[in-house]
Amino acid sequence: MDTLDGMRTFLAVARQKSFTGGAKQLGISTKLASKYVAQLETKHAALLFHRTTRSVTLTDTGRAYFELCVPLLEQFDELEDVIQHRQASLSGTVRLTAPTAFGSTKLVGALAPFLKLHPNMSVELNLSDQHVAIIDEGVDVAIRFGQLQDSTLIAKKLMKMRIVVFASPDYLERHGKPGHPSALSTHNCLMQKSQVDPENWRFKVDGKLVVVNVRGAFASNSPRAITHMASQGLGIGMGPKYVTEPYLKDGSLQLLFEDYEANELMLNAVYASNRHLPVRIRALLDHLAVTFAE
C-alpha cells in the first residue's frame, strides 16, 4: 500500500463515516478500503477508528491524524499542480455548506459562473440551517451569517446583509399597522430561533438603540419559513432582505420600520484555521468575495 493511498482512503472513510461510503467515493472496493486502513493502523501502531456493526467513528488518535492528513494531502496535490503546470486550469472538489435559503438562491447563482469558468472543478454543496462541524464533516468552507464564535476558525468577509421587518397587507389590515417599533410588543411576531436573541428585536430610534421584547405563536430556525408564514398573514417577521424579495415584488409582503433599521448581518466564508488552502479553494473564495461585493 502506498501511504498516500492509505491516507486518502482514511479521509474518505472518516468523512463518510462508513467503509462502504468511503470506498464508493474513491471508486474502490469496500474490502480494499478496509485493507488500506488496517495497513495504515499497523504501520503507525495505532487504532484510528472505532468499528461497530452500525457505525465507524474516529478515535482520539484518529481525529488528530485526520486534522494532520487534510493539509498534508492538499499541499501534496497543490505541489503536483505546480509541477504539471496546471494552475491555470483549476481542478478538484470543494465541499461547501450554507444556510438553506441563501444557499439555494444567491449562493448557487454565484457558483454557476465559477464552475463554467473552471470545468475541471466540482462543488459539493450541503444546505443546512444548523451549523455543520467543519472539521468533523470534512467541509472545506462554510458560508455563515453573523459573528464568528469559534476561535479555531477563520472568517473571510463577503458582504453585509440588510435585516428587515415585514408583514402581509392582510395581517396589517386585520391588526393595524404599528407606527413605532415599541408597538410590536402587542403583535404576533414570528421568531427566528437561529438568531442569537430571537425574542429581542433591535431598532435605531433617534440615533439610539431600542430593544423591543416580542412574543408570537410561531418560531423556526429557517428565515424562509418565517417569511412564508408572514406572507400568509400569520404575523410580523424579521429576517434577511434577500429572503423577502420575491414576496415584496408580488405584494404579499411589505416592509415596516425602514427608518428604524438597526441590524445588519455579516456574511462570511469560514474555514479551519489550521488548513492550508489549495489554489482551488482560494480562487473560489476570491470569486465569492467579488461577486457578493457587487
Protein backbone atom coordinates (compact mmCIF):
# COMPACT_ATOMS: atom_id res chain seq x y z
CA MET A 1 0.00 0.00 0.00
CA ASP A 2 1.23 3.47 -0.89
CA THR A 3 0.99 5.71 2.19
CA LEU A 4 -0.79 8.44 0.23
CA ASP A 5 -3.42 5.94 -0.93
CA GLY A 6 -3.88 4.87 2.67
CA MET A 7 -4.26 8.46 3.83
CA ARG A 8 -6.78 9.25 1.09
CA THR A 9 -8.77 6.14 1.98
CA PHE A 10 -8.68 7.02 5.68
CA LEU A 11 -10.01 10.53 4.97
CA ALA A 12 -12.79 9.23 2.73
CA VAL A 13 -13.93 6.68 5.32
CA ALA A 14 -13.78 9.31 8.09
CA ARG A 15 -15.83 11.80 6.09
CA GLN A 16 -18.43 9.25 5.03
CA LYS A 17 -18.39 7.53 8.46
CA SER A 18 -18.51 4.29 6.54
CA PHE A 19 -16.05 1.98 4.79
CA THR A 20 -18.66 1.33 2.10
CA GLY A 21 -19.30 5.06 1.57
CA GLY A 22 -15.59 5.89 1.58
CA ALA A 23 -14.81 3.14 -0.89
CA LYS A 24 -17.62 4.27 -3.19
CA GLN A 25 -16.30 7.84 -3.13
CA LEU A 26 -12.85 6.62 -4.18
CA GLY A 27 -14.08 4.07 -6.72
CA ILE A 28 -12.53 1.07 -4.95
CA SER A 29 -13.99 -1.97 -3.19
CA THR A 30 -15.01 -1.92 0.46
CA LYS A 31 -12.60 -4.79 1.08
CA LEU A 32 -9.70 -2.80 -0.35
CA ALA A 33 -10.63 0.29 1.67
CA SER A 34 -10.70 -1.78 4.85
CA LYS A 35 -7.34 -3.31 3.92
CA TYR A 36 -5.72 0.09 3.34
CA VAL A 37 -6.92 1.48 6.66
CA ALA A 38 -5.83 -1.66 8.51
CA GLN A 39 -2.36 -1.40 6.97
CA LEU A 40 -2.21 2.26 7.95
CA GLU A 41 -3.12 1.37 11.54
CA THR A 42 -0.49 -1.39 11.59
CA LYS A 43 2.15 0.96 10.21
CA HIS A 44 1.51 3.56 12.90
CA ALA A 45 0.66 1.03 15.64
CA ALA A 46 -2.47 3.00 16.41
CA LEU A 47 -6.23 2.45 16.25
CA LEU A 48 -7.76 5.13 14.01
CA PHE A 49 -11.43 4.03 14.03
CA HIS A 50 -13.92 2.59 16.48
CA ARG A 51 -15.77 -0.04 14.45
CA THR A 52 -19.19 -1.49 15.24
CA THR A 53 -21.77 -3.18 13.04
CA ARG A 54 -23.67 0.12 12.85
CA SER A 55 -21.05 2.85 12.84
CA VAL A 56 -17.47 3.86 12.13
CA THR A 57 -16.17 6.73 14.27
CA LEU A 58 -12.76 8.28 14.78
CA THR A 59 -10.72 7.54 17.88
CA ASP A 60 -8.94 10.46 19.57
CA THR A 61 -5.79 9.42 17.72
CA GLY A 62 -7.78 9.13 14.50
CA ARG A 63 -9.17 12.63 14.92
CA ALA A 64 -5.67 14.07 15.43
CA TYR A 65 -4.42 12.12 12.40
CA PHE A 66 -7.38 13.38 10.34
CA GLU A 67 -6.57 17.03 11.13
CA LEU A 68 -2.96 16.49 10.04
CA CYS A 69 -3.78 14.47 6.93
CA VAL A 70 -6.05 17.09 5.37
CA PRO A 71 -3.46 19.88 4.96
CA LEU A 72 -0.69 17.42 4.04
CA LEU A 73 -2.67 15.89 1.18
CA GLU A 74 -3.82 19.30 -0.01
CA GLN A 75 -0.23 20.56 -0.12
CA PHE A 76 0.84 17.44 -2.00
CA ASP A 77 -1.97 17.90 -4.54
CA GLU A 78 -1.03 21.54 -4.99
CA LEU A 79 2.63 20.58 -5.48
CA GLU A 80 1.57 18.24 -8.26
CA ASP A 81 -0.40 21.08 -9.83
CA VAL A 82 2.69 23.29 -9.83
CA ILE A 83 4.91 20.59 -11.31
CA GLN A 84 2.42 19.75 -14.03
CA HIS A 85 1.77 23.43 -14.83
CA ARG A 86 -1.95 23.02 -14.28
CA GLN A 87 -2.57 26.08 -12.13
CA ALA A 88 -4.35 27.90 -14.97
CA SER A 89 -6.85 25.04 -15.14
CA LEU A 90 -8.22 24.55 -11.64
CA SER A 91 -9.34 21.03 -10.73
CA GLY A 92 -10.58 19.09 -7.73
CA THR A 93 -13.57 19.24 -5.40
CA VAL A 94 -14.60 21.92 -2.91
CA ARG A 95 -17.03 20.90 -0.17
CA LEU A 96 -19.33 23.75 0.92
CA THR A 97 -22.10 24.12 3.46
CA ALA A 98 -24.53 27.04 3.63
CA PRO A 99 -27.92 28.09 5.06
CA THR A 100 -30.80 26.59 3.06
CA ALA A 101 -32.48 29.77 1.81
CA PHE A 102 -29.29 31.63 0.92
CA GLY A 103 -27.55 28.56 -0.47
CA SER A 104 -30.41 27.59 -2.78
CA THR A 105 -30.73 31.09 -4.26
CA LYS A 106 -27.88 33.58 -4.00
CA LEU A 107 -25.04 31.12 -3.50
CA VAL A 108 -25.86 28.78 -6.38
CA GLY A 109 -26.22 31.86 -8.56
CA ALA A 110 -22.65 32.81 -7.66
CA LEU A 111 -21.29 29.28 -8.06
CA ALA A 112 -22.67 28.69 -11.56
CA PRO A 113 -20.35 31.09 -13.47
CA PHE A 114 -17.35 29.88 -11.45
CA LEU A 115 -17.96 26.25 -12.43
CA LYS A 116 -18.48 27.23 -16.05
CA LEU A 117 -15.13 29.03 -15.99
CA HIS A 118 -13.39 26.02 -14.39
CA PRO A 119 -14.95 22.88 -15.93
CA ASN A 120 -12.45 20.55 -14.20
CA MET A 121 -13.68 21.64 -10.77
CA SER A 122 -16.64 20.30 -8.82
CA VAL A 123 -18.56 21.58 -5.79
CA GLU A 124 -20.40 19.52 -3.18
CA LEU A 125 -22.95 21.82 -1.52
CA ASN A 126 -24.68 20.76 1.70
CA LEU A 127 -27.58 23.03 2.67
CA SER A 128 -28.49 23.17 6.35
CA ASP A 129 -29.87 25.74 8.77
CA GLN A 130 -27.76 24.16 11.53
CA HIS A 131 -24.06 24.89 11.92
CA VAL A 132 -22.15 21.95 10.49
CA ALA A 133 -18.96 20.89 12.29
CA ILE A 134 -16.45 21.82 9.61
CA ILE A 135 -13.58 19.52 10.57
CA ASP A 136 -15.73 16.57 11.64
CA GLU A 137 -17.80 16.61 8.45
CA GLY A 138 -14.89 17.18 6.08
CA VAL A 139 -16.19 20.57 4.94
CA ASP A 140 -13.77 22.91 3.20
CA VAL A 141 -15.75 26.15 3.57
CA ALA A 142 -18.93 27.09 5.44
CA ILE A 143 -20.97 30.12 4.38
CA ARG A 144 -22.36 31.64 7.56
CA PHE A 145 -24.10 34.74 8.82
CA GLY A 146 -23.14 36.66 11.96
CA GLN A 147 -20.07 36.98 14.13
CA LEU A 148 -17.56 34.18 14.35
CA GLN A 149 -17.88 32.34 17.69
CA ASP A 150 -15.23 29.63 17.24
CA SER A 151 -11.61 30.76 17.64
CA THR A 152 -10.36 27.71 15.72
CA LEU A 153 -11.96 29.06 12.55
CA ILE A 154 -11.09 31.90 10.17
CA ALA A 155 -13.75 34.08 8.54
CA LYS A 156 -13.39 35.84 5.20
CA LYS A 157 -15.94 38.66 4.98
CA LEU A 158 -18.11 38.52 1.88
CA MET A 159 -20.85 41.14 2.35
CA LYS A 160 -23.24 42.83 4.77
CA MET A 161 -26.84 41.66 4.69
CA ARG A 162 -29.70 44.03 5.47
CA ILE A 163 -32.17 42.79 8.12
CA VAL A 164 -35.77 43.95 7.65
CA VAL A 165 -39.16 43.73 9.35
CA PHE A 166 -42.14 42.67 7.25
CA ALA A 167 -45.81 41.73 7.30
CA SER A 168 -48.56 40.96 4.81
CA PRO A 169 -51.16 43.59 3.82
CA ASP A 170 -53.81 41.18 5.09
CA TYR A 171 -52.27 41.00 8.58
CA LEU A 172 -51.87 44.79 8.76
CA GLU A 173 -55.48 45.31 7.67
CA ARG A 174 -56.75 42.99 10.40
CA HIS A 175 -54.44 44.06 13.23
CA GLY A 176 -53.38 47.58 12.28
CA LYS A 177 -50.03 48.82 11.09
CA PRO A 178 -47.67 49.51 14.01
CA GLY A 179 -46.37 53.08 13.82
CA HIS A 180 -43.39 52.58 16.14
CA PRO A 181 -41.18 49.58 16.98
CA SER A 182 -42.41 49.62 20.58
CA ALA A 183 -45.89 48.64 19.31
CA LEU A 184 -44.51 45.22 18.29
CA SER A 185 -44.97 44.04 21.88
CA THR A 186 -48.73 43.87 21.19
CA HIS A 187 -48.41 41.96 17.90
CA ASN A 188 -47.90 38.32 16.95
CA CYS A 189 -44.20 38.25 15.98
CA LEU A 190 -42.63 35.33 14.16
CA MET A 191 -39.28 34.49 15.72
CA GLN A 192 -36.22 33.13 14.00
CA LYS A 193 -34.60 30.78 16.50
CA SER A 194 -31.23 30.75 14.74
CA GLN A 195 -30.68 34.36 15.79
CA VAL A 196 -28.63 34.99 18.93
CA ASP A 197 -31.50 36.70 20.78
CA PRO A 198 -34.70 35.92 18.83
CA GLU A 199 -37.16 37.43 21.34
CA ASN A 200 -35.49 40.84 21.46
CA TRP A 201 -35.62 42.90 18.27
CA ARG A 202 -33.28 45.86 17.91
CA PHE A 203 -34.02 49.22 16.28
CA LYS A 204 -32.31 52.58 15.98
CA VAL A 205 -34.61 55.41 17.13
CA ASP A 206 -33.25 58.98 17.11
CA GLY A 207 -29.73 57.60 16.95
CA LYS A 208 -30.21 55.36 19.99
CA LEU A 209 -30.55 51.58 20.19
CA VAL A 210 -34.03 50.47 21.26
CA VAL A 211 -34.69 46.83 22.16
CA VAL A 212 -38.27 45.53 21.89
CA ASN A 213 -39.24 42.26 23.56
CA VAL A 214 -41.60 40.32 21.29
CA ARG A 215 -43.76 37.22 21.50
CA GLY A 216 -45.54 35.09 18.95
CA ALA A 217 -47.23 31.82 18.06
CA PHE A 218 -44.61 30.61 15.57
CA ALA A 219 -40.83 30.18 15.67
CA SER A 220 -38.38 28.48 13.32
CA ASN A 221 -34.66 28.23 12.64
CA SER A 222 -35.38 28.92 8.95
CA PRO A 223 -35.74 32.50 7.65
CA ARG A 224 -37.61 31.10 4.64
CA ALA A 225 -40.21 29.52 6.93
CA ILE A 226 -40.64 32.80 8.86
CA THR A 227 -41.06 34.75 5.64
CA HIS A 228 -43.60 32.32 4.21
CA MET A 229 -45.69 32.36 7.38
CA ALA A 230 -45.67 36.16 7.38
CA SER A 231 -46.83 36.17 3.75
CA GLN A 232 -49.81 34.04 4.85
CA GLY A 233 -50.90 36.76 7.26
CA LEU A 234 -49.88 34.95 10.44
CA GLY A 235 -47.72 37.68 11.96
CA ILE A 236 -44.83 40.12 11.67
CA GLY A 237 -41.40 38.73 10.81
CA MET A 238 -37.80 39.88 10.87
CA GLY A 239 -35.09 38.44 8.66
CA PRO A 240 -32.60 38.92 5.81
CA LYS A 241 -33.96 41.07 3.00
CA TYR A 242 -32.86 38.63 0.29
CA VAL A 243 -35.43 36.09 1.51
CA THR A 244 -38.28 38.60 1.28
CA GLU A 245 -37.52 39.89 -2.23
CA PRO A 246 -39.93 37.62 -4.17
CA TYR A 247 -42.74 38.40 -1.71
CA LEU A 248 -42.09 42.14 -1.87
CA LYS A 249 -42.25 42.02 -5.66
CA ASP A 250 -45.60 40.23 -5.77
CA GLY A 251 -47.07 42.37 -2.99
CA SER A 252 -47.66 39.58 -0.48
CA LEU A 253 -45.31 41.31 1.97
CA GLN A 254 -44.40 44.88 2.72
CA LEU A 255 -41.57 46.33 4.78
CA LEU A 256 -42.04 48.03 8.14
CA PHE A 257 -39.83 50.43 10.12
CA GLU A 258 -37.33 51.08 7.31
CA ASP A 259 -36.34 54.33 9.03
CA TYR A 260 -35.54 52.43 12.23
CA GLU A 261 -33.45 49.56 10.89
CA ALA A 262 -30.50 48.78 13.15
CA ASN A 263 -29.41 45.26 12.25
CA GLU A 264 -27.03 44.00 9.62
CA LEU A 265 -25.68 40.51 9.32
CA MET A 266 -22.17 39.89 8.06
CA LEU A 267 -21.91 37.07 5.53
CA ASN A 268 -18.66 35.14 5.98
CA ALA A 269 -16.84 32.28 4.34
CA VAL A 270 -15.47 30.22 7.23
CA TYR A 271 -12.73 27.60 7.26
CA ALA A 272 -10.46 25.86 9.77
CA SER A 273 -7.52 27.95 10.97
CA ASN A 274 -5.07 25.06 10.66
CA ARG A 275 -5.84 24.49 6.99
CA HIS A 276 -3.56 25.16 4.10
CA LEU A 277 -5.96 26.38 1.43
CA PRO A 278 -5.34 24.87 -2.01
CA VAL A 279 -5.43 27.15 -5.02
CA ARG A 280 -8.92 25.95 -6.00
CA ILE A 281 -10.40 26.99 -2.62
CA ARG A 282 -8.62 30.35 -2.58
CA ALA A 283 -9.87 31.00 -6.12
CA LEU A 284 -13.46 30.18 -5.13
CA LEU A 285 -13.28 32.42 -2.04
CA ASP A 286 -11.96 35.30 -4.14
CA HIS A 287 -14.74 34.77 -6.69
CA LEU A 288 -17.44 34.81 -3.99
CA ALA A 289 -15.98 37.94 -2.40
CA VAL A 290 -16.01 39.81 -5.72
CA THR A 291 -19.48 38.53 -6.68
CA PHE A 292 -21.17 39.46 -3.44
CA ALA A 293 -19.37 42.79 -3.20
CA GLU A 294 -21.04 43.71 -6.48
